[in-house]
C-alpha atoms as a PDB file:
ATOM      1  CA  UNK A   1    -117.025  74.219  61.044  1.00  0.00           C
ATOM      2  CA  UNK A   2    -119.217  72.146  58.732  1.00  0.00           C
ATOM      3  CA  UNK A   3    -120.207  69.761  61.535  1.00  0.00           C
ATOM      4  CA  UNK A   4    -121.154  72.704  63.782  1.00  0.00           C
ATOM      5  CA  UNK A   5    -123.269  74.239  61.020  1.00  0.00           C
ATOM      6  CA  UNK A   6    -124.888  70.845  60.415  1.00  0.00           C
ATOM      7  CA  UNK A   7    -126.212  70.630  63.986  1.00  0.00           C
ATOM      8  CA  UNK A   8    -127.111  74.315  64.139  1.00  0.00           C
ATOM      9  CA  UNK A   9    -124.526  75.664  66.581  1.00  0.00           C
ATOM     10  CA  UNK A  10    -121.708  78.175  66.254  1.00  0.00           C
ATOM     11  CA  UNK A  11    -118.151  77.146  65.426  1.00  0.00           C
ATOM     12  CA  UNK A  12    -116.796  77.887  68.965  1.00  0.00           C
ATOM     13  CA  UNK A  13    -119.506  75.723  70.511  1.00  0.00           C
ATOM     14  CA  UNK A  14    -118.749  72.931  68.053  1.00  0.00           C
ATOM     15  CA  UNK A  15    -115.045  73.129  68.870  1.00  0.00           C
ATOM     16  CA  UNK A  16    -115.805  73.015  72.598  1.00  0.00           C
ATOM     17  CA  UNK A  17    -118.006  69.928  72.158  1.00  0.00           C
ATOM     18  CA  UNK A  18    -115.277  68.309  70.108  1.00  0.00           C
ATOM     19  CA  UNK A  19    -112.686  68.918  72.826  1.00  0.00           C
ATOM     20  CA  UNK A  20    -114.998  67.625  75.550  1.00  0.00           C
ATOM     21  CA  UNK A  21    -115.447  64.411  73.566  1.00  0.00           C
ATOM     22  CA  UNK A  22    -111.704  63.829  73.597  1.00  0.00           C
ATOM     23  CA  UNK A  23    -110.793  65.149  70.172  1.00  0.00           C
ATOM     24  CA  UNK A  24    -112.239  62.328  68.082  1.00  0.00           C
ATOM     25  CA  UNK A  25    -115.692  61.796  66.649  1.00  0.00           C
ATOM     26  CA  UNK A  26    -117.322  58.426  67.475  1.00  0.00           C
ATOM     27  CA  UNK A  27    -116.844  55.760  64.840  1.00  0.00           C
ATOM     28  CA  UNK A  28    -120.576  55.267  64.362  1.00  0.00           C
ATOM     29  CA  UNK A  29    -123.731  56.817  65.723  1.00  0.00           C
ATOM     30  CA  UNK A  30    -125.997  54.040  64.425  1.00  0.00           C
ATOM     31  CA  UNK A  31    -127.916  51.942  66.911  1.00  0.00           C
ATOM     32  CA  UNK A  32    -126.582  48.374  67.064  1.00  0.00           C
ATOM     33  CA  UNK A  33    -128.942  45.850  65.547  1.00  0.00           C
ATOM     34  CA  UNK A  34    -128.824  42.186  66.544  1.00  0.00           C
ATOM     35  CA  UNK A  35    -125.611  42.651  68.487  1.00  0.00           C
ATOM     36  CA  UNK A  36    -127.005  41.826  71.911  1.00  0.00           C
ATOM     37  CA  UNK A  37    -128.946  38.774  73.006  1.00  0.00           C
ATOM     38  CA  UNK A  38    -132.696  39.265  73.269  1.00  0.00           C
ATOM     39  CA  UNK A  39    -134.918  37.990  76.070  1.00  0.00           C
ATOM     40  CA  UNK A  40    -136.330  35.330  73.729  1.00  0.00           C
ATOM     41  CA  UNK A  41    -132.807  34.070  73.017  1.00  0.00           C
ATOM     42  CA  UNK A  42    -132.033  33.971  76.729  1.00  0.00           C
ATOM     43  CA  UNK A  43    -135.166  31.916  77.343  1.00  0.00           C
ATOM     44  CA  UNK A  44    -134.034  29.494  74.642  1.00  0.00           C
ATOM     45  CA  UNK A  45    -130.592  29.268  76.229  1.00  0.00           C
ATOM     46  CA  UNK A  46    -132.157  28.550  79.640  1.00  0.00           C
ATOM     47  CA  UNK A  47    -134.316  25.757  78.217  1.00  0.00           C
ATOM     48  CA  UNK A  48    -131.439  24.127  76.347  1.00  0.00           C
ATOM     49  CA  UNK A  49    -129.137  24.469  79.354  1.00  0.00           C
ATOM     50  CA  UNK A  50    -131.748  22.734  81.537  1.00  0.00           C
ATOM     51  CA  UNK A  51    -131.644  19.863  79.026  1.00  0.00           C
ATOM     52  CA  UNK A  52    -127.852  19.570  79.566  1.00  0.00           C
ATOM     53  CA  UNK A  53    -127.050  20.744  76.048  1.00  0.00           C
ATOM     54  CA  UNK A  54    -123.493  21.833  75.356  1.00  0.00           C
ATOM     55  CA  UNK A  55    -122.399  25.377  74.531  1.00  0.00           C
ATOM     56  CA  UNK A  56    -121.772  24.653  70.855  1.00  0.00           C
ATOM     57  CA  UNK A  57    -125.104  22.892  70.424  1.00  0.00           C
ATOM     58  CA  UNK A  58    -126.907  25.824  72.056  1.00  0.00           C
ATOM     59  CA  UNK A  59    -125.047  28.237  69.783  1.00  0.00           C
ATOM     60  CA  UNK A  60    -126.045  26.307  66.669  1.00  0.00           C
ATOM     61  CA  UNK A  61    -129.672  26.208  67.781  1.00  0.00           C
ATOM     62  CA  UNK A  62    -130.026  29.966  68.379  1.00  0.00           C
ATOM     63  CA  UNK A  63    -127.664  30.974  65.550  1.00  0.00           C
ATOM     64  CA  UNK A  64    -125.010  32.639  67.714  1.00  0.00           C
ATOM     65  CA  UNK A  65    -121.269  32.257  68.134  1.00  0.00           C
ATOM     66  CA  UNK A  66    -120.222  29.733  70.829  1.00  0.00           C
ATOM     67  CA  UNK A  67    -118.144  32.450  72.506  1.00  0.00           C
ATOM     68  CA  UNK A  68    -121.271  34.591  72.900  1.00  0.00           C
ATOM     69  CA  UNK A  69    -123.145  31.757  74.602  1.00  0.00           C
ATOM     70  CA  UNK A  70    -120.184  30.885  76.813  1.00  0.00           C
ATOM     71  CA  UNK A  71    -119.828  34.487  78.051  1.00  0.00           C
ATOM     72  CA  UNK A  72    -123.563  34.749  78.629  1.00  0.00           C
ATOM     73  CA  UNK A  73    -123.605  31.640  80.827  1.00  0.00           C
ATOM     74  CA  UNK A  74    -120.555  32.801  82.763  1.00  0.00           C
ATOM     75  CA  UNK A  75    -121.520  36.441  83.326  1.00  0.00           C
ATOM     76  CA  UNK A  76    -125.289  36.445  83.764  1.00  0.00           C
ATOM     77  CA  UNK A  77    -125.988  33.244  85.657  1.00  0.00           C
ATOM     78  CA  UNK A  78    -127.771  33.465  89.025  1.00  0.00           C
ATOM     79  CA  UNK A  79    -125.419  32.719  91.943  1.00  0.00           C
ATOM     80  CA  UNK A  80    -127.587  33.304  95.018  1.00  0.00           C
ATOM     81  CA  UNK A  81    -127.745  29.603  95.868  1.00  0.00           C
ATOM     82  CA  UNK A  82    -123.967  29.268  95.775  1.00  0.00           C
ATOM     83  CA  UNK A  83    -124.026  27.392  92.467  1.00  0.00           C
ATOM     84  CA  UNK A  84    -124.421  29.205  89.137  1.00  0.00           C
ATOM     85  CA  UNK A  85    -127.834  28.506  87.630  1.00  0.00           C
ATOM     86  CA  UNK A  86    -128.872  30.205  84.392  1.00  0.00           C
ATOM     87  CA  UNK A  87    -132.323  31.779  84.412  1.00  0.00           C
ATOM     88  CA  UNK A  88    -133.564  34.001  81.589  1.00  0.00           C
ATOM     89  CA  UNK A  89    -135.183  36.653  83.825  1.00  0.00           C
ATOM     90  CA  UNK A  90    -132.100  37.049  86.028  1.00  0.00           C
ATOM     91  CA  UNK A  91    -129.798  37.083  82.998  1.00  0.00           C
ATOM     92  CA  UNK A  92    -131.883  39.790  81.330  1.00  0.00           C
ATOM     93  CA  UNK A  93    -131.814  41.927  84.489  1.00  0.00           C
ATOM     94  CA  UNK A  94    -128.031  41.555  84.814  1.00  0.00           C
ATOM     95  CA  UNK A  95    -127.513  42.481  81.169  1.00  0.00           C
ATOM     96  CA  UNK A  96    -129.665  45.594  81.522  1.00  0.00           C
ATOM     97  CA  UNK A  97    -127.783  46.671  84.647  1.00  0.00           C
ATOM     98  CA  UNK A  98    -124.445  46.250  82.888  1.00  0.00           C
ATOM     99  CA  UNK A  99    -125.664  48.230  79.863  1.00  0.00           C
ATOM    100  CA  UNK A 100    -126.670  51.324  81.833  1.00  0.00           C
ATOM    101  CA  UNK A 101    -124.850  54.494  80.811  1.00  0.00           C
ATOM    102  CA  UNK A 102    -123.080  56.605  81.852  1.00  0.00           C
ATOM    103  CA  UNK A 103    -120.922  54.449  84.079  1.00  0.00           C
ATOM    104  CA  UNK A 104    -118.672  55.704  86.824  1.00  0.00           C
ATOM    105  CA  UNK A 105    -115.070  55.499  85.709  1.00  0.00           C
ATOM    106  CA  UNK A 106    -112.978  52.913  87.529  1.00  0.00           C
ATOM    107  CA  UNK A 107    -110.372  55.501  88.483  1.00  0.00           C
ATOM    108  CA  UNK A 108    -113.049  57.597  90.217  1.00  0.00           C
ATOM    109  CA  UNK A 109    -114.124  54.837  92.602  1.00  0.00           C
ATOM    110  CA  UNK A 110    -110.701  53.348  93.342  1.00  0.00           C
ATOM    111  CA  UNK A 111    -108.459  55.935  95.059  1.00  0.00           C
ATOM    112  CA  UNK A 112    -105.569  53.510  95.398  1.00  0.00           C
ATOM    113  CA  UNK A 113    -105.604  52.673  91.714  1.00  0.00           C
ATOM    114  CA  UNK A 114    -105.911  56.344  90.746  1.00  0.00           C
ATOM    115  CA  UNK A 115    -102.875  57.327  92.818  1.00  0.00           C
ATOM    116  CA  UNK A 116    -100.876  54.451  91.362  1.00  0.00           C
ATOM    117  CA  UNK A 117    -101.675  55.521  87.795  1.00  0.00           C
ATOM    118  CA  UNK A 118    -101.098  59.240  88.425  1.00  0.00           C
ATOM    119  CA  UNK A 119     -97.723  58.719  90.088  1.00  0.00           C
ATOM    120  CA  UNK A 120     -96.423  56.652  87.217  1.00  0.00           C
ATOM    121  CA  UNK A 121     -97.820  58.941  84.551  1.00  0.00           C
ATOM    122  CA  UNK A 122     -96.003  61.838  86.200  1.00  0.00           C
ATOM    123  CA  UNK A 123     -92.832  59.841  86.840  1.00  0.00           C
ATOM    124  CA  UNK A 124     -93.014  60.487  90.612  1.00  0.00           C
ATOM    125  CA  UNK A 125     -92.557  56.924  91.843  1.00  0.00           C
ATOM    126  CA  UNK A 126     -90.709  56.462  95.129  1.00  0.00           C
ATOM    127  CA  UNK A 127     -89.850  53.425  97.179  1.00  0.00           C
ATOM    128  CA  UNK A 128     -90.638  52.893 100.903  1.00  0.00           C
ATOM    129  CA  UNK A 129     -87.348  54.558 101.835  1.00  0.00           C
ATOM    130  CA  UNK A 130     -88.157  57.613  99.728  1.00  0.00           C
ATOM    131  CA  UNK A 131     -85.789  56.939  96.841  1.00  0.00           C
ATOM    132  CA  UNK A 132     -87.012  57.546  93.301  1.00  0.00           C
ATOM    133  CA  UNK A 133     -87.917  54.397  91.390  1.00  0.00           C
ATOM    134  CA  UNK A 134     -86.779  54.795  87.765  1.00  0.00           C
ATOM    135  CA  UNK A 135     -89.421  54.237  85.136  1.00  0.00           C
ATOM    136  CA  UNK A 136     -89.175  52.028  82.051  1.00  0.00           C
ATOM    137  CA  UNK A 137     -86.545  52.823  79.428  1.00  0.00           C
ATOM    138  CA  UNK A 138     -87.974  55.295  76.926  1.00  0.00           C
ATOM    139  CA  UNK A 139     -87.280  55.068  73.194  1.00  0.00           C
ATOM    140  CA  UNK A 140     -84.515  57.275  71.791  1.00  0.00           C
ATOM    141  CA  UNK A 141     -85.683  60.825  71.257  1.00  0.00           C
ATOM    142  CA  UNK A 142     -85.501  61.951  67.627  1.00  0.00           C
ATOM    143  CA  UNK A 143     -86.068  65.650  68.170  1.00  0.00           C
ATOM    144  CA  UNK A 144     -89.502  65.652  66.536  1.00  0.00           C
ATOM    145  CA  UNK A 145     -91.591  67.068  69.369  1.00  0.00           C
ATOM    146  CA  UNK A 146     -89.562  69.739  71.144  1.00  0.00           C
ATOM    147  CA  UNK A 147     -86.127  71.290  70.780  1.00  0.00           C
ATOM    148  CA  UNK A 148     -84.892  70.135  74.206  1.00  0.00           C
ATOM    149  CA  UNK A 149     -85.280  66.614  75.499  1.00  0.00           C
ATOM    150  CA  UNK A 150     -85.172  67.696  79.170  1.00  0.00           C
ATOM    151  CA  UNK A 151     -88.402  69.628  78.594  1.00  0.00           C
ATOM    152  CA  UNK A 152     -90.240  66.407  77.815  1.00  0.00           C
ATOM    153  CA  UNK A 153     -91.758  65.022  81.020  1.00  0.00           C
ATOM    154  CA  UNK A 154     -92.102  61.561  79.499  1.00  0.00           C
ATOM    155  CA  UNK A 155     -88.337  61.095  79.846  1.00  0.00           C
ATOM    156  CA  UNK A 156     -89.114  59.734  83.343  1.00  0.00           C
ATOM    157  CA  UNK A 157     -92.839  58.929  82.995  1.00  0.00           C
ATOM    158  CA  UNK A 158     -94.525  55.611  82.255  1.00  0.00           C
ATOM    159  CA  UNK A 159     -96.844  55.081  79.315  1.00  0.00           C
ATOM    160  CA  UNK A 160    -100.437  53.849  79.906  1.00  0.00           C
ATOM    161  CA  UNK A 161     -99.518  50.506  78.298  1.00  0.00           C
ATOM    162  CA  UNK A 162     -96.593  50.052  80.692  1.00  0.00           C
ATOM    163  CA  UNK A 163     -98.773  50.957  83.682  1.00  0.00           C
ATOM    164  CA  UNK A 164    -101.527  48.515  82.703  1.00  0.00           C
ATOM    165  CA  UNK A 165     -99.049  45.661  82.317  1.00  0.00           C
ATOM    166  CA  UNK A 166     -97.144  46.497  85.502  1.00  0.00           C
ATOM    167  CA  UNK A 167    -100.287  46.274  87.628  1.00  0.00           C
ATOM    168  CA  UNK A 168    -100.418  42.515  87.090  1.00  0.00           C
ATOM    169  CA  UNK A 169     -96.841  42.232  88.351  1.00  0.00           C
ATOM    170  CA  UNK A 170     -97.197  44.468  91.402  1.00  0.00           C
ATOM    171  CA  UNK A 171    -100.664  43.179  92.411  1.00  0.00           C
ATOM    172  CA  UNK A 172    -100.965  39.592  91.137  1.00  0.00           C
ATOM    173  CA  UNK A 173    -103.741  38.643  93.589  1.00  0.00           C
ATOM    174  CA  UNK A 174    -105.703  41.913  93.703  1.00  0.00           C
ATOM    175  CA  UNK A 175    -108.246  42.015  90.871  1.00  0.00           C
ATOM    176  CA  UNK A 176    -109.353  45.512  91.897  1.00  0.00           C
ATOM    177  CA  UNK A 177    -105.951  46.843  90.783  1.00  0.00           C
ATOM    178  CA  UNK A 178    -106.566  46.269  87.112  1.00  0.00           C
ATOM    179  CA  UNK A 179    -107.197  48.796  84.352  1.00  0.00           C
ATOM    180  CA  UNK A 180    -106.654  48.839  80.628  1.00  0.00           C
ATOM    181  CA  UNK A 181    -104.491  51.389  78.873  1.00  0.00           C
ATOM    182  CA  UNK A 182    -107.541  52.533  76.900  1.00  0.00           C
ATOM    183  CA  UNK A 183    -109.353  53.473  80.145  1.00  0.00           C
ATOM    184  CA  UNK A 184    -106.341  55.568  81.173  1.00  0.00           C
ATOM    185  CA  UNK A 185    -106.332  57.365  77.825  1.00  0.00           C
ATOM    186  CA  UNK A 186    -110.073  58.066  78.111  1.00  0.00           C
ATOM    187  CA  UNK A 187    -109.640  59.500  81.613  1.00  0.00           C
ATOM    188  CA  UNK A 188    -107.010  61.886  80.248  1.00  0.00           C
ATOM    189  CA  UNK A 189    -108.673  62.939  77.006  1.00  0.00           C
ATOM    190  CA  UNK A 190    -112.420  62.876  77.724  1.00  0.00           C
ATOM    191  CA  UNK A 191    -113.650  65.506  80.165  1.00  0.00           C
ATOM    192  CA  UNK A 192    -116.602  63.420  81.342  1.00  0.00           C
ATOM    193  CA  UNK A 193    -114.186  60.782  82.613  1.00  0.00           C
ATOM    194  CA  UNK A 194    -111.860  63.274  84.271  1.00  0.00           C
ATOM    195  CA  UNK A 195    -110.600  61.096  87.105  1.00  0.00           C
ATOM    196  CA  UNK A 196    -106.989  61.991  86.324  1.00  0.00           C
ATOM    197  CA  UNK A 197    -105.378  65.409  86.370  1.00  0.00           C
ATOM    198  CA  UNK A 198    -105.722  67.040  82.980  1.00  0.00           C
ATOM    199  CA  UNK A 199    -102.139  68.322  82.951  1.00  0.00           C
ATOM    200  CA  UNK A 200    -100.869  64.728  82.884  1.00  0.00           C
ATOM    201  CA  UNK A 201    -101.438  64.678  79.108  1.00  0.00           C
ATOM    202  CA  UNK A 202     -98.077  66.448  78.843  1.00  0.00           C
ATOM    203  CA  UNK A 203     -96.472  63.297  80.247  1.00  0.00           C
ATOM    204  CA  UNK A 204     -97.624  61.191  77.304  1.00  0.00           C
ATOM    205  CA  UNK A 205     -95.080  60.304  74.674  1.00  0.00           C
ATOM    206  CA  UNK A 206     -96.965  62.285  72.027  1.00  0.00           C
ATOM    207  CA  UNK A 207     -97.613  65.299  74.277  1.00  0.00           C
ATOM    208  CA  UNK A 208    -101.040  65.749  72.685  1.00  0.00           C
ATOM    209  CA  UNK A 209    -103.882  67.362  74.581  1.00  0.00           C
ATOM    210  CA  UNK A 210    -106.440  65.891  72.175  1.00  0.00           C
ATOM    211  CA  UNK A 211    -106.772  62.472  70.689  1.00  0.00           C
ATOM    212  CA  UNK A 212    -106.080  62.056  67.014  1.00  0.00           C
ATOM    213  CA  UNK A 213    -106.918  59.158  64.702  1.00  0.00           C
ATOM    214  CA  UNK A 214    -104.106  57.007  63.414  1.00  0.00           C
ATOM    215  CA  UNK A 215    -102.225  58.603  60.558  1.00  0.00           C
ATOM    216  CA  UNK A 216    -102.685  55.607  58.278  1.00  0.00           C
ATOM    217  CA  UNK A 217    -106.478  55.898  58.564  1.00  0.00           C
ATOM    218  CA  UNK A 218    -106.286  59.454  57.207  1.00  0.00           C
ATOM    219  CA  UNK A 219    -103.842  58.699  54.426  1.00  0.00           C
ATOM    220  CA  UNK A 220    -105.310  58.843  50.988  1.00  0.00           C
ATOM    221  CA  UNK A 221    -103.609  56.994  48.158  1.00  0.00           C
ATOM    222  CA  UNK A 222    -101.525  59.397  46.155  1.00  0.00           C
ATOM    223  CA  UNK A 223    -100.459  58.736  42.623  1.00  0.00           C
ATOM    224  CA  UNK A 224    -102.832  55.854  41.999  1.00  0.00           C
ATOM    225  CA  UNK A 225    -104.857  55.615  38.828  1.00  0.00           C
ATOM    226  CA  UNK A 226    -107.620  58.137  39.363  1.00  0.00           C
ATOM    227  CA  UNK A 227    -110.339  56.734  37.096  1.00  0.00           C
ATOM    228  CA  UNK A 228    -112.033  53.619  38.462  1.00  0.00           C
ATOM    229  CA  UNK A 229    -112.248  51.111  35.613  1.00  0.00           C
ATOM    230  CA  UNK A 230    -113.661  47.829  36.857  1.00  0.00           C
ATOM    231  CA  UNK A 231    -113.278  44.447  35.183  1.00  0.00           C
ATOM    232  CA  UNK A 232    -116.972  44.373  34.259  1.00  0.00           C
ATOM    233  CA  UNK A 233    -116.305  47.200  31.778  1.00  0.00           C
ATOM    234  CA  UNK A 234    -113.733  45.132  29.912  1.00  0.00           C
ATOM    235  CA  UNK A 235    -114.955  43.847  26.494  1.00  0.00           C
ATOM    236  CA  UNK A 236    -116.648  40.452  26.514  1.00  0.00           C
ATOM    237  CA  UNK A 237    -114.114  39.094  24.032  1.00  0.00           C
ATOM    238  CA  UNK A 238    -111.405  39.702  26.626  1.00  0.00           C
ATOM    239  CA  UNK A 239    -113.313  37.711  29.210  1.00  0.00           C
ATOM    240  CA  UNK A 240    -113.847  34.577  27.088  1.00  0.00           C
ATOM    241  CA  UNK A 241    -110.321  34.757  25.606  1.00  0.00           C
ATOM    242  CA  UNK A 242    -111.647  34.111  22.113  1.00  0.00           C
ATOM    243  CA  UNK A 243    -109.866  37.006  20.388  1.00  0.00           C
ATOM    244  CA  UNK A 244    -106.151  37.765  20.870  1.00  0.00           C
ATOM    245  CA  UNK A 245    -104.907  41.218  21.748  1.00  0.00           C
ATOM    246  CA  UNK A 246    -106.040  41.522  25.365  1.00  0.00           C
ATOM    247  CA  UNK A 247    -103.232  41.612  27.927  1.00  0.00           C
ATOM    248  CA  UNK A 248    -102.814  41.340  31.661  1.00  0.00           C
ATOM    249  CA  UNK A 249     -99.860  43.013  33.361  1.00  0.00           C
ATOM    250  CA  UNK A 250     -98.132  42.899  36.700  1.00  0.00           C
ATOM    251  CA  UNK A 251     -95.009  44.184  38.418  1.00  0.00           C
ATOM    252  CA  UNK A 252     -92.538  41.822  40.101  1.00  0.00           C
ATOM    253  CA  UNK A 253     -90.097  43.269  42.640  1.00  0.00           C
ATOM    254  CA  UNK A 254     -87.129  41.098  43.599  1.00  0.00           C
ATOM    255  CA  UNK A 255     -84.135  41.293  45.874  1.00  0.00           C
ATOM    256  CA  UNK A 256     -82.293  44.579  46.051  1.00  0.00           C
ATOM    257  CA  UNK A 257     -85.496  46.331  44.885  1.00  0.00           C
ATOM    258  CA  UNK A 258     -84.917  45.060  41.352  1.00  0.00           C
ATOM    259  CA  UNK A 259     -88.063  44.972  39.236  1.00  0.00           C
ATOM    260  CA  UNK A 260     -89.446  43.582  36.007  1.00  0.00           C
ATOM    261  CA  UNK A 261     -92.815  43.953  34.317  1.00  0.00           C
ATOM    262  CA  UNK A 262     -94.791  41.021  32.903  1.00  0.00           C
ATOM    263  CA  UNK A 263     -97.406  41.092  30.141  1.00  0.00           C
ATOM    264  CA  UNK A 264     -99.480  37.959  29.443  1.00  0.00           C
ATOM    265  CA  UNK A 265    -101.778  37.693  26.431  1.00  0.00           C
ATOM    266  CA  UNK A 266    -105.065  36.168  27.623  1.00  0.00           C
ATOM    267  CA  UNK A 267    -105.817  34.080  24.537  1.00  0.00           C
ATOM    268  CA  UNK A 268    -102.460  32.539  23.621  1.00  0.00           C
ATOM    269  CA  UNK A 269    -100.838  32.971  27.071  1.00  0.00           C
ATOM    270  CA  UNK A 270     -97.827  34.519  25.372  1.00  0.00           C
ATOM    271  CA  UNK A 271     -95.657  36.389  27.854  1.00  0.00           C
ATOM    272  CA  UNK A 272     -93.586  39.526  27.417  1.00  0.00           C
ATOM    273  CA  UNK A 273     -91.024  40.669  29.948  1.00  0.00           C
ATOM    274  CA  UNK A 274     -90.695  44.446  30.279  1.00  0.00           C
ATOM    275  CA  UNK A 275     -87.175  45.558  31.112  1.00  0.00           C
ATOM    276  CA  UNK A 276     -87.032  48.169  33.884  1.00  0.00           C
ATOM    277  CA  UNK A 277     -83.456  49.464  34.177  1.00  0.00           C
ATOM    278  CA  UNK A 278     -82.199  51.485  37.108  1.00  0.00           C
ATOM    279  CA  UNK A 279     -82.349  55.240  36.743  1.00  0.00           C
ATOM    280  CA  UNK A 280     -79.330  57.504  36.971  1.00  0.00           C
ATOM    281  CA  UNK A 281     -78.236  57.987  40.548  1.00  0.00           C
ATOM    282  CA  UNK A 282     -79.362  54.587  41.862  1.00  0.00           C
ATOM    283  CA  UNK A 283     -77.214  53.648  44.851  1.00  0.00           C
ATOM    284  CA  UNK A 284     -75.445  57.016  44.747  1.00  0.00           C
ATOM    285  CA  UNK A 285     -78.068  59.645  45.521  1.00  0.00           C
ATOM    286  CA  UNK A 286     -80.124  59.495  48.735  1.00  0.00           C
ATOM    287  CA  UNK A 287     -83.791  58.689  48.258  1.00  0.00           C
ATOM    288  CA  UNK A 288     -86.156  61.657  48.133  1.00  0.00           C
ATOM    289  CA  UNK A 289     -89.584  61.470  49.745  1.00  0.00           C
ATOM    290  CA  UNK A 290     -92.320  61.482  47.070  1.00  0.00           C
ATOM    291  CA  UNK A 291     -89.562  61.684  44.462  1.00  0.00           C
ATOM    292  CA  UNK A 292     -89.086  59.434  41.413  1.00  0.00           C
ATOM    293  CA  UNK A 293     -88.270  55.798  42.062  1.00  0.00           C
ATOM    294  CA  UNK A 294     -84.646  55.327  41.029  1.00  0.00           C
ATOM    295  CA  UNK A 295     -85.195  51.573  41.058  1.00  0.00           C
ATOM    296  CA  UNK A 296     -86.757  51.864  37.619  1.00  0.00           C
ATOM    297  CA  UNK A 297     -90.358  50.942  38.427  1.00  0.00           C
ATOM    298  CA  UNK A 298     -91.855  54.382  39.026  1.00  0.00           C
ATOM    299  CA  UNK A 299     -94.812  55.726  37.068  1.00  0.00           C
ATOM    300  CA  UNK A 300     -92.715  57.565  34.459  1.00  0.00           C
ATOM    301  CA  UNK A 301     -90.259  54.701  33.920  1.00  0.00           C
ATOM    302  CA  UNK A 302     -93.060  52.111  33.746  1.00  0.00           C
ATOM    303  CA  UNK A 303     -95.038  54.227  31.305  1.00  0.00           C
ATOM    304  CA  UNK A 304     -92.054  54.544  28.977  1.00  0.00           C
ATOM    305  CA  UNK A 305     -91.119  50.856  29.212  1.00  0.00           C
ATOM    306  CA  UNK A 306     -94.684  49.660  28.512  1.00  0.00           C
ATOM    307  CA  UNK A 307     -95.085  52.009  25.588  1.00  0.00           C
ATOM    308  CA  UNK A 308     -91.825  50.821  24.056  1.00  0.00           C
ATOM    309  CA  UNK A 309     -92.745  47.132  24.478  1.00  0.00           C
ATOM    310  CA  UNK A 310     -96.333  47.372  23.278  1.00  0.00           C
ATOM    311  CA  UNK A 311     -95.713  49.560  20.242  1.00  0.00           C
ATOM    312  CA  UNK A 312     -93.512  46.827  18.777  1.00  0.00           C
ATOM    313  CA  UNK A 313     -96.562  44.569  18.477  1.00  0.00           C
ATOM    314  CA  UNK A 314     -98.959  44.621  15.518  1.00  0.00           C
ATOM    315  CA  UNK A 315    -101.932  46.909  15.939  1.00  0.00           C
ATOM    316  CA  UNK A 316    -104.413  44.012  16.080  1.00  0.00           C
ATOM    317  CA  UNK A 317    -102.584  42.661  19.138  1.00  0.00           C
ATOM    318  CA  UNK A 318    -102.831  45.960  21.061  1.00  0.00           C
ATOM    319  CA  UNK A 319    -106.434  46.151  22.263  1.00  0.00           C
ATOM    320  CA  UNK A 320    -106.631  46.298  26.056  1.00  0.00           C
ATOM    321  CA  UNK A 321    -104.303  46.037  29.032  1.00  0.00           C
ATOM    322  CA  UNK A 322    -105.585  45.015  32.461  1.00  0.00           C
ATOM    323  CA  UNK A 323    -103.522  46.161  35.466  1.00  0.00           C
ATOM    324  CA  UNK A 324    -104.129  46.711  39.150  1.00  0.00           C
ATOM    325  CA  UNK A 325    -104.298  50.147  40.793  1.00  0.00           C
ATOM    326  CA  UNK A 326    -100.662  50.281  41.805  1.00  0.00           C
ATOM    327  CA  UNK A 327     -98.678  53.493  41.679  1.00  0.00           C
ATOM    328  CA  UNK A 328     -96.506  52.183  38.875  1.00  0.00           C
ATOM    329  CA  UNK A 329     -99.343  52.839  36.389  1.00  0.00           C
ATOM    330  CA  UNK A 330    -100.431  56.236  37.712  1.00  0.00           C
ATOM    331  CA  UNK A 331     -98.711  57.842  34.698  1.00  0.00           C
ATOM    332  CA  UNK A 332    -101.087  58.290  31.777  1.00  0.00           C
ATOM    333  CA  UNK A 333    -100.526  58.293  28.058  1.00  0.00           C
ATOM    334  CA  UNK A 334    -100.042  54.682  27.001  1.00  0.00           C
ATOM    335  CA  UNK A 335    -101.048  55.439  23.459  1.00  0.00           C
ATOM    336  CA  UNK A 336    -103.508  52.940  22.062  1.00  0.00           C
ATOM    337  CA  UNK A 337    -103.193  50.613  25.021  1.00  0.00           C
ATOM    338  CA  UNK A 338    -106.255  50.937  27.277  1.00  0.00           C
END
């Protein structure tokens, strides 16, 4: 909704554009700067190559990675005379031709490859005698997508990754029968690359009709310390270790999920060990998602253990406590300890 309003179109139009793009916004809309070789750099490469300079020496001279120079010499060299000769003008023309967009999808031009991919996505693979060729073994179904496993077409279908790898086995000498799993996904999800039948998305393991970003990229840390307090805000006396009373803490987790807290005084290097006992129900009750850590190192248990250990010290030795942003210190209320 907000994105549609931002570009001045209605919400239905914005949703339609989003679906046509495959269900995911591009990672960046910024123009690349300095990513591609310029014509001046290609002229420099041609001159150095004519002087029989090596790839690494050329890369150091123009300030590029050796892999970039090696690919440039391999891809954009002139081959009309039968022997690859690198010329800047020819290399620039080849690079511009390769950069033209939009490109025709590989599955559109190659009918044989398209049929191979579609048959395996649908699970309709048959041998020369007409018998069904079983697909790869699918992972055990956990009942997360649909109530009945027989309704899931991927029980006999191949995944794009399996198809891409199998092509090298079935056609070891035919370079035209090659495609990446990402190209197959794009042909299914993005309407502009619609070389494959749209209904084949139901054969994917996820059963999604739209692409979604990875879950971990959308996860936001929960329970961490909310206020950002950086080390530069710590008092100067804590940095030079001239005055005692400034502590650094950490959590150590051992075998069997046992844990212990450590507190080190920055000036004297005195160390305190914070006892973190198991909570009631450890090893007896099943773990609860987003529930308290029965191992004894959750936010509440850590807060109580630190408060008990630090309040035993004299007041002049309780000035600041430096800790990382782990969940074990998401609980607030450490008294005079900062």
